[in-house]
Amino acid sequence: MGNICMLSDLRPGEGAVVRCLGVAGETRRRLQDIGLIRGTKVVCERKSPLGDPVAYRIRGATMALRGADARSVEVER
């Protein structure tokens, strides 16, 4: 078993696999709609100069996520 952390803990160039989402309602649905479901590989592409938002590669597309959203996604390195 790999190292469990939150998506927001990844540094540029690091990848991980989604384990679960720690939010409900509209936010959960939005994250699922962009492809953040259990088993999806995610790579941290780059961080903005102030650290928020962060660009992640999800299912072949680059998506920017706010820190609050990234902190609600549990991943396994």
PDB file of N, CA and C in Angstrom:
ATOM      1  N   MET A   1       0.843  -1.171   0.000  1.00  0.00           N
ATOM      2  CA  MET A   1       0.000   0.000   0.000  1.00  0.00           C
ATOM      3  C   MET A   1       0.889   1.236   0.000  1.00  0.00           C
ATOM      4  N   GLY A   2       0.519   2.247  -0.783  1.00  0.00           N
ATOM      5  CA  GLY A   2       1.314   3.462  -0.898  1.00  0.00           C
ATOM      6  C   GLY A   2       1.050   4.452   0.219  1.00  0.00           C
ATOM      7  N   ASN A   3       1.614   5.606   0.037  1.00  0.00           N
ATOM      8  CA  ASN A   3       1.496   6.693   0.998  1.00  0.00           C
ATOM      9  C   ASN A   3       0.158   7.409   0.787  1.00  0.00           C
ATOM     10  N   ILE A   4      -0.677   7.470   1.827  1.00  0.00           N
ATOM     11  CA  ILE A   4      -1.980   8.135   1.752  1.00  0.00           C
ATOM     12  C   ILE A   4      -1.806   9.607   2.131  1.00  0.00           C
ATOM     13  N   CYS A   5      -2.370  10.494   1.317  1.00  0.00           N
ATOM     14  CA  CYS A   5      -2.304  11.938   1.602  1.00  0.00           C
ATOM     15  C   CYS A   5      -3.474  12.610   0.907  1.00  0.00           C
ATOM     16  N   MET A   6      -3.512  13.906   0.980  1.00  0.00           N
ATOM     17  CA  MET A   6      -4.539  14.675   0.288  1.00  0.00           C
ATOM     18  C   MET A   6      -3.964  15.168  -1.047  1.00  0.00           C
ATOM     19  N   LEU A   7      -4.816  15.385  -2.010  1.00  0.00           N
ATOM     20  CA  LEU A   7      -4.384  15.849  -3.324  1.00  0.00           C
ATOM     21  C   LEU A   7      -3.558  17.128  -3.213  1.00  0.00           C
ATOM     22  N   SER A   8      -3.918  17.981  -2.293  1.00  0.00           N
ATOM     23  CA  SER A   8      -3.212  19.257  -2.104  1.00  0.00           C
ATOM     24  C   SER A   8      -1.764  19.074  -1.643  1.00  0.00           C
ATOM     25  N   ASP A   9      -1.407  17.868  -1.141  1.00  0.00           N
ATOM     26  CA  ASP A   9      -0.050  17.601  -0.666  1.00  0.00           C
ATOM     27  C   ASP A   9       0.932  17.272  -1.787  1.00  0.00           C
ATOM     28  N   LEU A  10       0.419  16.991  -2.990  1.00  0.00           N
ATOM     29  CA  LEU A  10       1.303  16.642  -4.101  1.00  0.00           C
ATOM     30  C   LEU A  10       2.094  17.853  -4.559  1.00  0.00           C
ATOM     31  N   ARG A  11       3.340  17.604  -4.933  1.00  0.00           N
ATOM     32  CA  ARG A  11       4.200  18.646  -5.492  1.00  0.00           C
ATOM     33  C   ARG A  11       4.209  18.495  -7.007  1.00  0.00           C
ATOM     34  N   PRO A  12       4.562  19.549  -7.729  1.00  0.00           N
ATOM     35  CA  PRO A  12       4.609  19.452  -9.190  1.00  0.00           C
ATOM     36  C   PRO A  12       5.449  18.254  -9.649  1.00  0.00           C
ATOM     37  N   GLY A  13       4.870  17.484 -10.570  1.00  0.00           N
ATOM     38  CA  GLY A  13       5.520  16.292 -11.087  1.00  0.00           C
ATOM     39  C   GLY A  13       5.114  15.013 -10.384  1.00  0.00           C
ATOM     40  N   GLU A  14       4.532  15.109  -9.204  1.00  0.00           N
ATOM     41  CA  GLU A  14       4.107  13.919  -8.455  1.00  0.00           C
ATOM     42  C   GLU A  14       2.735  13.455  -8.926  1.00  0.00           C
ATOM     43  N   GLY A  15       2.550  12.143  -8.915  1.00  0.00           N
ATOM     44  CA  GLY A  15       1.272  11.556  -9.288  1.00  0.00           C
ATOM     45  C   GLY A  15       0.706  10.719  -8.156  1.00  0.00           C
ATOM     46  N   ALA A  16      -0.590  10.471  -8.217  1.00  0.00           N
ATOM     47  CA  ALA A  16      -1.266   9.663  -7.205  1.00  0.00           C
ATOM     48  C   ALA A  16      -2.571   9.138  -7.797  1.00  0.00           C
ATOM     49  N   VAL A  17      -3.219   8.255  -7.047  1.00  0.00           N
ATOM     50  CA  VAL A  17      -4.490   7.674  -7.462  1.00  0.00           C
ATOM     51  C   VAL A  17      -5.552   8.075  -6.440  1.00  0.00           C
ATOM     52  N   VAL A  18      -6.713   8.511  -6.927  1.00  0.00           N
ATOM     53  CA  VAL A  18      -7.798   8.937  -6.045  1.00  0.00           C
ATOM     54  C   VAL A  18      -8.328   7.749  -5.246  1.00  0.00           C
ATOM     55  N   ARG A  19      -8.464   7.954  -3.927  1.00  0.00           N
ATOM     56  CA  ARG A  19      -9.058   6.951  -3.040  1.00  0.00           C
ATOM     57  C   ARG A  19     -10.502   7.297  -2.692  1.00  0.00           C
ATOM     58  N   CYS A  20     -10.741   8.546  -2.276  1.00  0.00           N
ATOM     59  CA  CYS A  20     -12.108   8.950  -1.942  1.00  0.00           C
ATOM     60  C   CYS A  20     -12.218  10.470  -1.885  1.00  0.00           C
ATOM     61  N   LEU A  21     -13.465  10.936  -1.922  1.00  0.00           N
ATOM     62  CA  LEU A  21     -13.756  12.361  -1.816  1.00  0.00           C
ATOM     63  C   LEU A  21     -14.361  12.622  -0.445  1.00  0.00           C
ATOM     64  N   GLY A  22     -13.871  13.645   0.221  1.00  0.00           N
ATOM     65  CA  GLY A  22     -14.339  13.958   1.570  1.00  0.00           C
ATOM     66  C   GLY A  22     -15.334  15.096   1.611  1.00  0.00           C
ATOM     67  N   VAL A  23     -16.119  15.255   0.553  1.00  0.00           N
ATOM     68  CA  VAL A  23     -17.132  16.311   0.500  1.00  0.00           C
ATOM     69  C   VAL A  23     -18.435  15.727  -0.026  1.00  0.00           C
ATOM     70  N   ALA A  24     -19.508  16.482   0.130  1.00  0.00           N
ATOM     71  CA  ALA A  24     -20.820  16.036  -0.340  1.00  0.00           C
ATOM     72  C   ALA A  24     -21.472  17.127  -1.180  1.00  0.00           C
ATOM     73  N   GLY A  25     -22.613  16.829  -1.710  1.00  0.00           N
ATOM     74  CA  GLY A  25     -23.419  17.819  -2.430  1.00  0.00           C
ATOM     75  C   GLY A  25     -22.832  18.275  -3.742  1.00  0.00           C
ATOM     76  N   GLU A  26     -23.035  19.569  -4.024  1.00  0.00           N
ATOM     77  CA  GLU A  26     -22.603  20.153  -5.293  1.00  0.00           C
ATOM     78  C   GLU A  26     -21.105  20.022  -5.528  1.00  0.00           C
ATOM     79  N   THR A  27     -20.312  20.239  -4.490  1.00  0.00           N
ATOM     80  CA  THR A  27     -18.858  20.153  -4.649  1.00  0.00           C
ATOM     81  C   THR A  27     -18.444  18.742  -5.033  1.00  0.00           C
ATOM     82  N   ARG A  28     -19.016  17.745  -4.378  1.00  0.00           N
ATOM     83  CA  ARG A  28     -18.706  16.351  -4.700  1.00  0.00           C
ATOM     84  C   ARG A  28     -19.070  16.043  -6.151  1.00  0.00           C
ATOM     85  N   ARG A  29     -20.243  16.482  -6.555  1.00  0.00           N
ATOM     86  CA  ARG A  29     -20.707  16.226  -7.928  1.00  0.00           C
ATOM     87  C   ARG A  29     -19.788  16.900  -8.945  1.00  0.00           C
ATOM     88  N   ARG A  30     -19.365  18.140  -8.649  1.00  0.00           N
ATOM     89  CA  ARG A  30     -18.474  18.862  -9.562  1.00  0.00           C
ATOM     90  C   ARG A  30     -17.133  18.149  -9.703  1.00  0.00           C
ATOM     91  N   LEU A  31     -16.576  17.685  -8.575  1.00  0.00           N
ATOM     92  CA  LEU A  31     -15.302  16.960  -8.623  1.00  0.00           C
ATOM     93  C   LEU A  31     -15.440  15.651  -9.395  1.00  0.00           C
ATOM     94  N   GLN A  32     -16.555  14.961  -9.209  1.00  0.00           N
ATOM     95  CA  GLN A  32     -16.787  13.724  -9.959  1.00  0.00           C
ATOM     96  C   GLN A  32     -16.949  14.014 -11.449  1.00  0.00           C
ATOM     97  N   ASP A  33     -17.618  15.125 -11.769  1.00  0.00           N
ATOM     98  CA  ASP A  33     -17.825  15.487 -13.173  1.00  0.00           C
ATOM     99  C   ASP A  33     -16.523  15.755 -13.910  1.00  0.00           C
ATOM    100  N   ILE A  34     -15.495  16.254 -13.216  1.00  0.00           N
ATOM    101  CA  ILE A  34     -14.213  16.487 -13.890  1.00  0.00           C
ATOM    102  C   ILE A  34     -13.326  15.238 -13.873  1.00  0.00           C
ATOM    103  N   GLY A  35     -13.851  14.124 -13.327  1.00  0.00           N
ATOM    104  CA  GLY A  35     -13.140  12.857 -13.398  1.00  0.00           C
ATOM    105  C   GLY A  35     -12.489  12.394 -12.120  1.00  0.00           C
ATOM    106  N   LEU A  36     -12.683  13.091 -11.017  1.00  0.00           N
ATOM    107  CA  LEU A  36     -12.072  12.670  -9.746  1.00  0.00           C
ATOM    108  C   LEU A  36     -12.947  11.622  -9.067  1.00  0.00           C
ATOM    109  N   ILE A  37     -12.764  10.380  -9.510  1.00  0.00           N
ATOM    110  CA  ILE A  37     -13.458   9.253  -8.907  1.00  0.00           C
ATOM    111  C   ILE A  37     -12.418   8.222  -8.489  1.00  0.00           C
ATOM    112  N   ARG A  38     -12.805   7.321  -7.610  1.00  0.00           N
ATOM    113  CA  ARG A  38     -11.887   6.306  -7.094  1.00  0.00           C
ATOM    114  C   ARG A  38     -11.164   5.595  -8.241  1.00  0.00           C
ATOM    115  N   GLY A  39      -9.828   5.509  -8.118  1.00  0.00           N
ATOM    116  CA  GLY A  39      -9.021   4.814  -9.110  1.00  0.00           C
ATOM    117  C   GLY A  39      -8.444   5.699 -10.208  1.00  0.00           C
ATOM    118  N   THR A  40      -8.832   6.962 -10.260  1.00  0.00           N
ATOM    119  CA  THR A  40      -8.333   7.874 -11.288  1.00  0.00           C
ATOM    120  C   THR A  40      -6.930   8.351 -10.947  1.00  0.00           C
ATOM    121  N   LYS A  41      -6.031   8.287 -11.931  1.00  0.00           N
ATOM    122  CA  LYS A  41      -4.675   8.791 -11.725  1.00  0.00           C
ATOM    123  C   LYS A  41      -4.671  10.305 -11.931  1.00  0.00           C
ATOM    124  N   VAL A  42      -4.000  11.005 -11.014  1.00  0.00           N
ATOM    125  CA  VAL A  42      -3.908  12.465 -11.055  1.00  0.00           C
ATOM    126  C   VAL A  42      -2.440  12.852 -10.916  1.00  0.00           C
ATOM    127  N   VAL A  43      -1.996  13.828 -11.707  1.00  0.00           N
ATOM    128  CA  VAL A  43      -0.631  14.334 -11.617  1.00  0.00           C
ATOM    129  C   VAL A  43      -0.689  15.833 -11.349  1.00  0.00           C
ATOM    130  N   CYS A  44       0.088  16.284 -10.380  1.00  0.00           N
ATOM    131  CA  CYS A  44       0.198  17.714 -10.104  1.00  0.00           C
ATOM    132  C   CYS A  44       1.091  18.304 -11.187  1.00  0.00           C
ATOM    133  N   GLU A  45       0.535  19.206 -11.980  1.00  0.00           N
ATOM    134  CA  GLU A  45       1.283  19.807 -13.093  1.00  0.00           C
ATOM    135  C   GLU A  45       2.109  21.002 -12.624  1.00  0.00           C
ATOM    136  N   ARG A  46       1.441  21.967 -12.026  1.00  0.00           N
ATOM    137  CA  ARG A  46       2.147  23.171 -11.556  1.00  0.00           C
ATOM    138  C   ARG A  46       1.266  23.939 -10.578  1.00  0.00           C
ATOM    139  N   LYS A  47       1.935  24.736  -9.753  1.00  0.00           N
ATOM    140  CA  LYS A  47       1.238  25.571  -8.775  1.00  0.00           C
ATOM    141  C   LYS A  47       1.338  27.021  -9.222  1.00  0.00           C
ATOM    142  N   SER A  48       0.316  27.800  -8.932  1.00  0.00           N
ATOM    143  CA  SER A  48       0.358  29.220  -9.265  1.00  0.00           C
ATOM    144  C   SER A  48       1.359  29.916  -8.347  1.00  0.00           C
ATOM    145  N   PRO A  49       1.811  31.103  -8.701  1.00  0.00           N
ATOM    146  CA  PRO A  49       2.816  31.791  -7.875  1.00  0.00           C
ATOM    147  C   PRO A  49       2.421  31.943  -6.403  1.00  0.00           C
ATOM    148  N   LEU A  50       1.143  32.128  -6.138  1.00  0.00           N
ATOM    149  CA  LEU A  50       0.696  32.264  -4.752  1.00  0.00           C
ATOM    150  C   LEU A  50       0.242  30.930  -4.152  1.00  0.00           C
ATOM    151  N   GLY A  51       0.334  29.846  -4.938  1.00  0.00           N
ATOM    152  CA  GLY A  51       0.020  28.518  -4.439  1.00  0.00           C
ATOM    153  C   GLY A  51      -1.423  28.080  -4.597  1.00  0.00           C
ATOM    154  N   ASP A  52      -2.300  28.938  -5.080  1.00  0.00           N
ATOM    155  CA  ASP A  52      -3.708  28.578  -5.227  1.00  0.00           C
ATOM    156  C   ASP A  52      -4.291  29.372  -6.387  1.00  0.00           C
ATOM    157  N   PRO A  53      -4.831  28.752  -7.414  1.00  0.00           N
ATOM    158  CA  PRO A  53      -5.097  27.328  -7.567  1.00  0.00           C
ATOM    159  C   PRO A  53      -3.875  26.544  -8.051  1.00  0.00           C
ATOM    160  N   VAL A  54      -4.085  25.234  -8.173  1.00  0.00           N
ATOM    161  CA  VAL A  54      -3.043  24.325  -8.640  1.00  0.00           C
ATOM    162  C   VAL A  54      -3.581  23.587  -9.867  1.00  0.00           C
ATOM    163  N   ALA A  55      -2.736  23.393 -10.865  1.00  0.00           N
ATOM    164  CA  ALA A  55      -3.124  22.679 -12.081  1.00  0.00           C
ATOM    165  C   ALA A  55      -2.803  21.194 -11.921  1.00  0.00           C
ATOM    166  N   TYR A  56      -3.798  20.359 -12.192  1.00  0.00           N
ATOM    167  CA  TYR A  56      -3.648  18.902 -12.120  1.00  0.00           C
ATOM    168  C   TYR A  56      -4.016  18.296 -13.462  1.00  0.00           C
ATOM    169  N   ARG A  57      -3.316  17.225 -13.847  1.00  0.00           N
ATOM    170  CA  ARG A  57      -3.645  16.456 -15.047  1.00  0.00           C
ATOM    171  C   ARG A  57      -4.597  15.348 -14.604  1.00  0.00           C
ATOM    172  N   ILE A  58      -5.840  15.404 -15.108  1.00  0.00           N
ATOM    173  CA  ILE A  58      -6.875  14.440 -14.742  1.00  0.00           C
ATOM    174  C   ILE A  58      -7.468  13.879 -16.019  1.00  0.00           C
ATOM    175  N   ARG A  59      -7.295  12.597 -16.249  1.00  0.00           N
ATOM    176  CA  ARG A  59      -7.844  11.918 -17.425  1.00  0.00           C
ATOM    177  C   ARG A  59      -7.479  12.623 -18.737  1.00  0.00           C
ATOM    178  N   GLY A  60      -6.228  13.066 -18.836  1.00  0.00           N
ATOM    179  CA  GLY A  60      -5.739  13.659 -20.067  1.00  0.00           C
ATOM    180  C   GLY A  60      -5.994  15.150 -20.226  1.00  0.00           C
ATOM    181  N   ALA A  61      -6.676  15.755 -19.280  1.00  0.00           N
ATOM    182  CA  ALA A  61      -6.957  17.198 -19.347  1.00  0.00           C
ATOM    183  C   ALA A  61      -6.331  17.887 -18.134  1.00  0.00           C
ATOM    184  N   THR A  62      -5.934  19.133 -18.315  1.00  0.00           N
ATOM    185  CA  THR A  62      -5.390  19.905 -17.206  1.00  0.00           C
ATOM    186  C   THR A  62      -6.512  20.732 -16.586  1.00  0.00           C
ATOM    187  N   MET A  63      -6.692  20.561 -15.286  1.00  0.00           N
ATOM    188  CA  MET A  63      -7.742  21.259 -14.547  1.00  0.00           C
ATOM    189  C   MET A  63      -7.120  22.030 -13.391  1.00  0.00           C
ATOM    190  N   ALA A  64      -7.623  23.220 -13.141  1.00  0.00           N
ATOM    191  CA  ALA A  64      -7.177  24.003 -11.989  1.00  0.00           C
ATOM    192  C   ALA A  64      -8.157  23.787 -10.842  1.00  0.00           C
ATOM    193  N   LEU A  65      -7.617  23.443  -9.677  1.00  0.00           N
ATOM    194  CA  LEU A  65      -8.452  23.238  -8.489  1.00  0.00           C
ATOM    195  C   LEU A  65      -8.018  24.183  -7.384  1.00  0.00           C
ATOM    196  N   ARG A  66      -8.989  24.718  -6.675  1.00  0.00           N
ATOM    197  CA  ARG A  66      -8.701  25.529  -5.498  1.00  0.00           C
ATOM    198  C   ARG A  66      -8.188  24.622  -4.390  1.00  0.00           C
ATOM    199  N   GLY A  67      -7.424  25.215  -3.490  1.00  0.00           N
ATOM    200  CA  GLY A  67      -6.866  24.454  -2.379  1.00  0.00           C
ATOM    201  C   GLY A  67      -7.913  23.766  -1.541  1.00  0.00           C
ATOM    202  N   ALA A  68      -9.031  24.433  -1.274  1.00  0.00           N
ATOM    203  CA  ALA A  68     -10.100  23.846  -0.464  1.00  0.00           C
ATOM    204  C   ALA A  68     -10.642  22.568  -1.101  1.00  0.00           C
ATOM    205  N   ASP A  69     -10.777  22.563  -2.426  1.00  0.00           N
ATOM    206  CA  ASP A  69     -11.259  21.367  -3.118  1.00  0.00           C
ATOM    207  C   ASP A  69     -10.205  20.268  -3.101  1.00  0.00           C
ATOM    208  N   ALA A  70      -8.951  20.621  -3.357  1.00  0.00           N
ATOM    209  CA  ALA A  70      -7.857  19.632  -3.380  1.00  0.00           C
ATOM    210  C   ALA A  70      -7.648  18.996  -2.009  1.00  0.00           C
ATOM    211  N   ARG A  71      -7.916  19.746  -0.943  1.00  0.00           N
ATOM    212  CA  ARG A  71      -7.762  19.199   0.413  1.00  0.00           C
ATOM    213  C   ARG A  71      -8.857  18.215   0.771  1.00  0.00           C
ATOM    214  N   SER A  72      -9.898  18.116  -0.055  1.00  0.00           N
ATOM    215  CA  SER A  72     -10.991  17.192   0.224  1.00  0.00           C
ATOM    216  C   SER A  72     -10.871  15.883  -0.556  1.00  0.00           C
ATOM    217  N   VAL A  73      -9.783  15.735  -1.338  1.00  0.00           N
ATOM    218  CA  VAL A  73      -9.584  14.524  -2.150  1.00  0.00           C
ATOM    219  C   VAL A  73      -8.445  13.707  -1.562  1.00  0.00           C
ATOM    220  N   GLU A  74      -8.768  12.513  -1.068  1.00  0.00           N
ATOM    221  CA  GLU A  74      -7.744  11.622  -0.518  1.00  0.00           C
ATOM    222  C   GLU A  74      -7.147  10.804  -1.648  1.00  0.00           C
ATOM    223  N   VAL A  75      -5.815  10.763  -1.710  1.00  0.00           N
ATOM    224  CA  VAL A  75      -5.119  10.039  -2.764  1.00  0.00           C
ATOM    225  C   VAL A  75      -4.059   9.114  -2.167  1.00  0.00           C
ATOM    226  N   GLU A  76      -3.596   8.192  -2.997  1.00  0.00           N
ATOM    227  CA  GLU A  76      -2.519   7.270  -2.618  1.00  0.00           C
ATOM    228  C   GLU A  76      -1.391   7.444  -3.608  1.00  0.00           C
ATOM    229  N   ARG A  77      -0.198   7.797  -3.091  1.00  0.00           N
ATOM    230  CA  ARG A  77       0.979   7.994  -3.954  1.00  0.00           C
ATOM    231  C   ARG A  77       1.451   6.666  -4.500  1.00  0.00           C
TER     232      ARG A  77
END
